[in-house]
Amino acid sequence: MKFARMFVFVGLFVAVSAAGVTNASAQMRQLAGGYLAGSFPMGDWGKIAGFGMALDGTDVVRKPGKALAMRSSLSLLYNFSRTVDVPATNVGANDKLQIETKNWSLLFGIGPEFSKPSNSVSPFLYATAGFDTYWTSSTLSGTANGAAYSAEHGDSRISFAWAAGAGVRRLVTAGNMVELSVEYRSGLDHHFLLPGDVHSTPAGVTADRASHSSDQILVRLGTVLGD
């Protein structure tokens, strides 16, 4: 938990520092955005994780008329509970095991953003690198060798993570824009249990909670303030 608090502090510090730099220099411009996002797990993570919802915040600082900006992001995401069956070939004839997974994650990233300066509509591309903190609950339960079985295989860790995305901002009123963007996000060291990694034999149940990347696509809609 102390690492999670540390990265929350780092993310807030970067955002506040960027705002301070902007206020201190009339030659800089700042955009601050708040978003609601939907998350669609992909790859190995998509085999067990449910649909997610996220609250995102971004801070973008650039010189007027320049395409290159510095972007920092902070995101809190929850993947809703999802239950999947262990393959019947991995357990006994009368056995049945399931994995229920739910997850919180907190991501901080910083990196470049490229946009087309415009008075009304501004498309943009960006990439960030940073850290994702996971609090994953994973319960393996059911029947094994004719008896009730239950075991926890959760994970709590901080992993290097990266993200890349594209979107468009549209001016609504002076200093107020709406944004629609899509992001691919990946944490590189997330330990979770896949159905194919569980086996039930007369000797007992074995489960290999290996390291995987947690990949997902986010669709984001929100409001951006600034000029």
Protein backbone atom coordinates (compact mmCIF):
# COMPACT_ATOMS: atom_id res chain seq x y z
CA MET A 1 0.00 0.00 0.00
CA LYS A 2 2.85 2.40 0.73
CA PHE A 3 4.02 2.03 -2.88
CA ALA A 4 0.53 2.85 -4.12
CA ARG A 5 0.44 5.99 -1.97
CA MET A 6 3.90 6.92 -3.22
CA PHE A 7 2.84 6.78 -6.87
CA VAL A 8 -0.37 8.68 -6.17
CA PHE A 9 1.82 11.37 -4.64
CA VAL A 10 4.20 11.31 -7.60
CA GLY A 11 1.33 11.64 -10.07
CA LEU A 12 -0.19 14.56 -8.20
CA PHE A 13 3.21 16.18 -7.79
CA VAL A 14 3.89 16.01 -11.53
CA ALA A 15 0.48 17.48 -12.36
CA VAL A 16 0.82 20.28 -9.82
CA SER A 17 4.38 21.00 -10.93
CA ALA A 18 3.30 21.24 -14.57
CA ALA A 19 0.54 23.63 -13.56
CA GLY A 20 3.04 25.72 -11.62
CA VAL A 21 5.38 25.92 -14.58
CA THR A 22 2.49 26.97 -16.80
CA ASN A 23 1.40 29.71 -14.43
CA ALA A 24 4.96 30.94 -14.10
CA SER A 25 5.49 31.30 -17.83
CA ALA A 26 3.17 33.22 -20.10
CA GLN A 27 4.70 31.37 -23.05
CA MET A 28 3.26 28.00 -21.99
CA ARG A 29 -0.25 26.62 -22.42
CA GLN A 30 -1.94 23.94 -20.31
CA LEU A 31 -4.81 21.53 -20.88
CA ALA A 32 -6.33 19.63 -17.95
CA GLY A 33 -8.75 16.80 -18.69
CA GLY A 34 -11.09 14.58 -16.68
CA TYR A 35 -12.57 11.44 -18.27
CA LEU A 36 -14.79 8.41 -17.83
CA ALA A 37 -13.43 5.37 -19.66
CA GLY A 38 -14.55 1.86 -20.52
CA SER A 39 -11.92 -0.90 -20.51
CA PHE A 40 -11.90 -4.01 -22.71
CA PRO A 41 -9.31 -6.61 -21.53
CA MET A 42 -7.21 -8.25 -24.26
CA GLY A 43 -4.82 -11.19 -24.62
CA ASP A 44 -4.23 -13.39 -21.56
CA TRP A 45 -5.83 -10.76 -19.33
CA GLY A 46 -8.92 -10.91 -21.53
CA LYS A 47 -9.31 -14.62 -20.75
CA ILE A 48 -10.22 -13.97 -17.11
CA ALA A 49 -10.82 -10.25 -16.52
CA GLY A 50 -14.19 -8.57 -16.84
CA PHE A 51 -15.16 -5.27 -18.42
CA GLY A 52 -13.65 -2.31 -16.60
CA MET A 53 -14.54 1.28 -15.79
CA ALA A 54 -11.96 3.99 -15.14
CA LEU A 55 -11.65 7.57 -13.96
CA ASP A 56 -8.76 9.28 -15.74
CA GLY A 57 -7.05 12.63 -15.39
CA THR A 58 -4.47 14.18 -17.72
CA ASP A 59 -2.32 17.28 -17.79
CA VAL A 60 -0.83 18.51 -21.09
CA VAL A 61 1.68 21.39 -21.29
CA ARG A 62 2.99 22.90 -24.54
CA LYS A 63 4.24 26.09 -26.14
CA PRO A 64 1.60 27.98 -28.19
CA GLY A 65 1.34 26.74 -31.77
CA LYS A 66 3.70 23.79 -31.20
CA ALA A 67 2.76 20.20 -32.06
CA LEU A 68 4.87 18.60 -29.30
CA ALA A 69 3.64 18.65 -25.70
CA MET A 70 4.39 16.86 -22.42
CA ARG A 71 1.54 14.71 -21.11
CA SER A 72 1.05 13.16 -17.65
CA SER A 73 -1.79 10.76 -16.80
CA LEU A 74 -3.32 9.27 -13.66
CA SER A 75 -5.97 6.53 -13.90
CA LEU A 76 -7.98 4.49 -11.39
CA LEU A 77 -9.60 1.42 -13.00
CA TYR A 78 -11.84 -1.39 -11.75
CA ASN A 79 -12.37 -4.65 -13.64
CA PHE A 80 -15.72 -6.12 -12.66
CA SER A 81 -15.95 -9.66 -11.33
CA ARG A 82 -15.86 -12.42 -13.93
CA THR A 83 -16.02 -16.21 -13.46
CA VAL A 84 -14.55 -18.68 -15.95
CA ASP A 85 -14.43 -22.49 -15.91
CA VAL A 86 -11.27 -24.57 -15.72
CA PRO A 87 -11.21 -26.84 -18.82
CA ALA A 88 -12.86 -30.21 -18.18
CA THR A 89 -9.76 -31.94 -19.55
CA ASN A 90 -7.71 -30.46 -16.66
CA VAL A 91 -9.84 -31.97 -13.87
CA GLY A 92 -11.37 -35.31 -12.91
CA ALA A 93 -14.54 -36.65 -14.48
CA ASN A 94 -16.70 -35.57 -11.53
CA ASP A 95 -14.77 -32.40 -10.69
CA LYS A 96 -15.60 -28.81 -11.57
CA LEU A 97 -13.42 -25.78 -10.79
CA GLN A 98 -13.94 -22.09 -11.55
CA ILE A 99 -11.83 -18.93 -11.28
CA GLU A 100 -13.46 -15.68 -10.17
CA THR A 101 -11.34 -12.57 -10.82
CA LYS A 102 -11.78 -8.88 -10.03
CA ASN A 103 -9.18 -6.15 -10.01
CA TRP A 104 -8.34 -2.58 -9.06
CA SER A 105 -5.42 -0.83 -10.72
CA LEU A 106 -3.84 2.61 -10.44
CA LEU A 107 -1.74 3.83 -13.37
CA PHE A 108 0.63 6.78 -13.64
CA GLY A 109 2.39 7.63 -16.90
CA ILE A 110 4.24 10.48 -18.54
CA GLY A 111 5.34 11.01 -22.13
CA PRO A 112 5.01 13.04 -25.35
CA GLU A 113 1.84 14.14 -27.11
CA PHE A 114 1.67 15.32 -30.72
CA SER A 115 -1.32 17.31 -31.93
CA LYS A 116 -2.41 19.49 -34.81
CA PRO A 117 -2.95 23.03 -33.51
CA SER A 118 -6.45 24.17 -34.38
CA ASN A 119 -9.04 26.68 -33.26
CA SER A 120 -11.92 24.17 -33.36
CA VAL A 121 -10.92 20.51 -33.88
CA SER A 122 -7.55 19.08 -32.83
CA PRO A 123 -6.55 15.43 -33.44
CA PHE A 124 -3.66 14.08 -31.36
CA LEU A 125 -1.40 11.08 -30.71
CA TYR A 126 0.44 10.23 -27.49
CA ALA A 127 2.52 7.65 -25.63
CA THR A 128 3.35 7.35 -21.94
CA ALA A 129 5.53 5.16 -19.73
CA GLY A 130 5.20 4.69 -15.98
CA PHE A 131 3.81 2.27 -13.42
CA ASP A 132 0.62 0.29 -12.85
CA THR A 133 -0.29 -0.86 -9.33
CA TYR A 134 -2.54 -3.93 -9.11
CA TRP A 135 -4.85 -5.22 -6.39
CA THR A 136 -6.19 -8.45 -7.88
CA SER A 137 -8.60 -10.85 -6.19
CA SER A 138 -8.65 -14.33 -7.75
CA THR A 139 -10.54 -17.23 -6.16
CA LEU A 140 -10.28 -20.82 -7.41
CA SER A 141 -13.21 -22.83 -6.13
CA GLY A 142 -15.54 -25.74 -6.85
CA THR A 143 -15.20 -29.50 -6.45
CA ALA A 144 -11.96 -31.48 -6.65
CA ASN A 145 -11.63 -35.22 -5.97
CA GLY A 146 -15.21 -35.32 -4.74
CA ALA A 147 -14.74 -32.61 -2.09
CA ALA A 148 -15.35 -28.88 -1.88
CA TYR A 149 -12.28 -26.84 -2.78
CA SER A 150 -11.37 -23.14 -2.45
CA ALA A 151 -8.07 -21.24 -2.69
CA GLU A 152 -6.99 -17.63 -3.14
CA HIS A 153 -4.55 -16.68 -5.91
CA GLY A 154 -4.65 -12.88 -5.85
CA ASP A 155 -1.85 -10.45 -6.62
CA SER A 156 -0.70 -7.08 -5.30
CA ARG A 157 2.28 -5.46 -7.02
CA ILE A 158 3.69 -2.52 -8.95
CA SER A 159 4.66 -3.12 -12.58
CA PHE A 160 6.22 -1.08 -15.36
CA ALA A 161 3.47 -0.07 -17.78
CA TRP A 162 3.12 1.78 -21.05
CA ALA A 163 0.25 3.23 -23.01
CA ALA A 164 -0.34 4.71 -26.45
CA GLY A 165 -3.42 6.36 -27.85
CA ALA A 166 -5.10 8.70 -30.28
CA GLY A 167 -8.07 11.00 -30.12
CA VAL A 168 -9.67 14.26 -31.08
CA ARG A 169 -10.62 17.38 -29.11
CA ARG A 170 -13.37 19.72 -30.17
CA LEU A 171 -13.82 23.26 -28.91
CA VAL A 172 -17.23 23.85 -27.28
CA THR A 173 -16.77 27.24 -25.66
CA ALA A 174 -13.74 29.39 -24.95
CA GLY A 175 -11.41 27.36 -22.72
CA ASN A 176 -13.67 24.29 -22.79
CA MET A 177 -13.34 21.24 -25.07
CA VAL A 178 -14.76 17.73 -25.29
CA GLU A 179 -12.45 14.81 -26.05
CA LEU A 180 -12.94 11.31 -27.44
CA SER A 181 -9.88 9.06 -27.40
CA VAL A 182 -8.82 5.41 -27.57
CA GLU A 183 -5.86 3.97 -25.65
CA TYR A 184 -3.96 0.69 -25.62
CA ARG A 185 -2.54 0.04 -22.14
CA SER A 186 -0.18 -2.73 -21.00
CA GLY A 187 1.34 -3.65 -17.65
CA LEU A 188 4.30 -5.98 -18.18
CA ASP A 189 4.46 -7.98 -14.92
CA HIS A 190 1.03 -8.95 -13.59
CA HIS A 191 0.74 -12.35 -11.91
CA PHE A 192 -2.65 -13.97 -12.41
CA LEU A 193 -4.16 -17.42 -12.78
CA LEU A 194 -5.41 -18.71 -16.14
CA PRO A 195 -7.87 -21.63 -16.49
CA GLY A 196 -5.36 -23.70 -18.43
CA ASP A 197 -2.81 -23.40 -15.60
CA VAL A 198 -5.03 -25.33 -13.15
CA HIS A 199 -4.91 -29.15 -12.89
CA SER A 200 -6.73 -31.53 -10.56
CA THR A 201 -5.30 -35.03 -10.00
CA PRO A 202 -5.74 -37.64 -7.27
CA ALA A 203 -2.66 -36.10 -5.65
CA GLY A 204 -4.38 -32.70 -5.36
CA VAL A 205 -4.91 -29.41 -7.19
CA THR A 206 -2.01 -27.53 -8.75
CA ALA A 207 -2.25 -23.93 -9.95
CA ASP A 208 0.53 -21.91 -11.60
CA ARG A 209 0.00 -18.16 -11.08
CA ALA A 210 2.53 -17.00 -13.69
CA SER A 211 3.58 -13.54 -14.85
CA HIS A 212 1.65 -12.12 -17.80
CA SER A 213 1.07 -8.74 -19.37
CA SER A 214 -2.29 -7.16 -18.60
CA ASP A 215 -3.38 -5.65 -21.92
CA GLN A 216 -6.55 -3.67 -22.47
CA ILE A 217 -8.14 -1.13 -24.77
CA LEU A 218 -9.79 1.92 -23.21
CA VAL A 219 -12.37 4.17 -24.83
CA ARG A 220 -12.36 7.56 -23.11
CA LEU A 221 -14.80 10.48 -23.14
CA GLY A 222 -14.36 13.64 -21.13
CA THR A 223 -13.96 17.37 -20.76
CA VAL A 224 -10.75 19.35 -21.25
CA LEU A 225 -10.18 22.79 -19.79
CA GLY A 226 -7.50 25.22 -20.92
CA ASP A 227 -6.21 26.91 -24.07
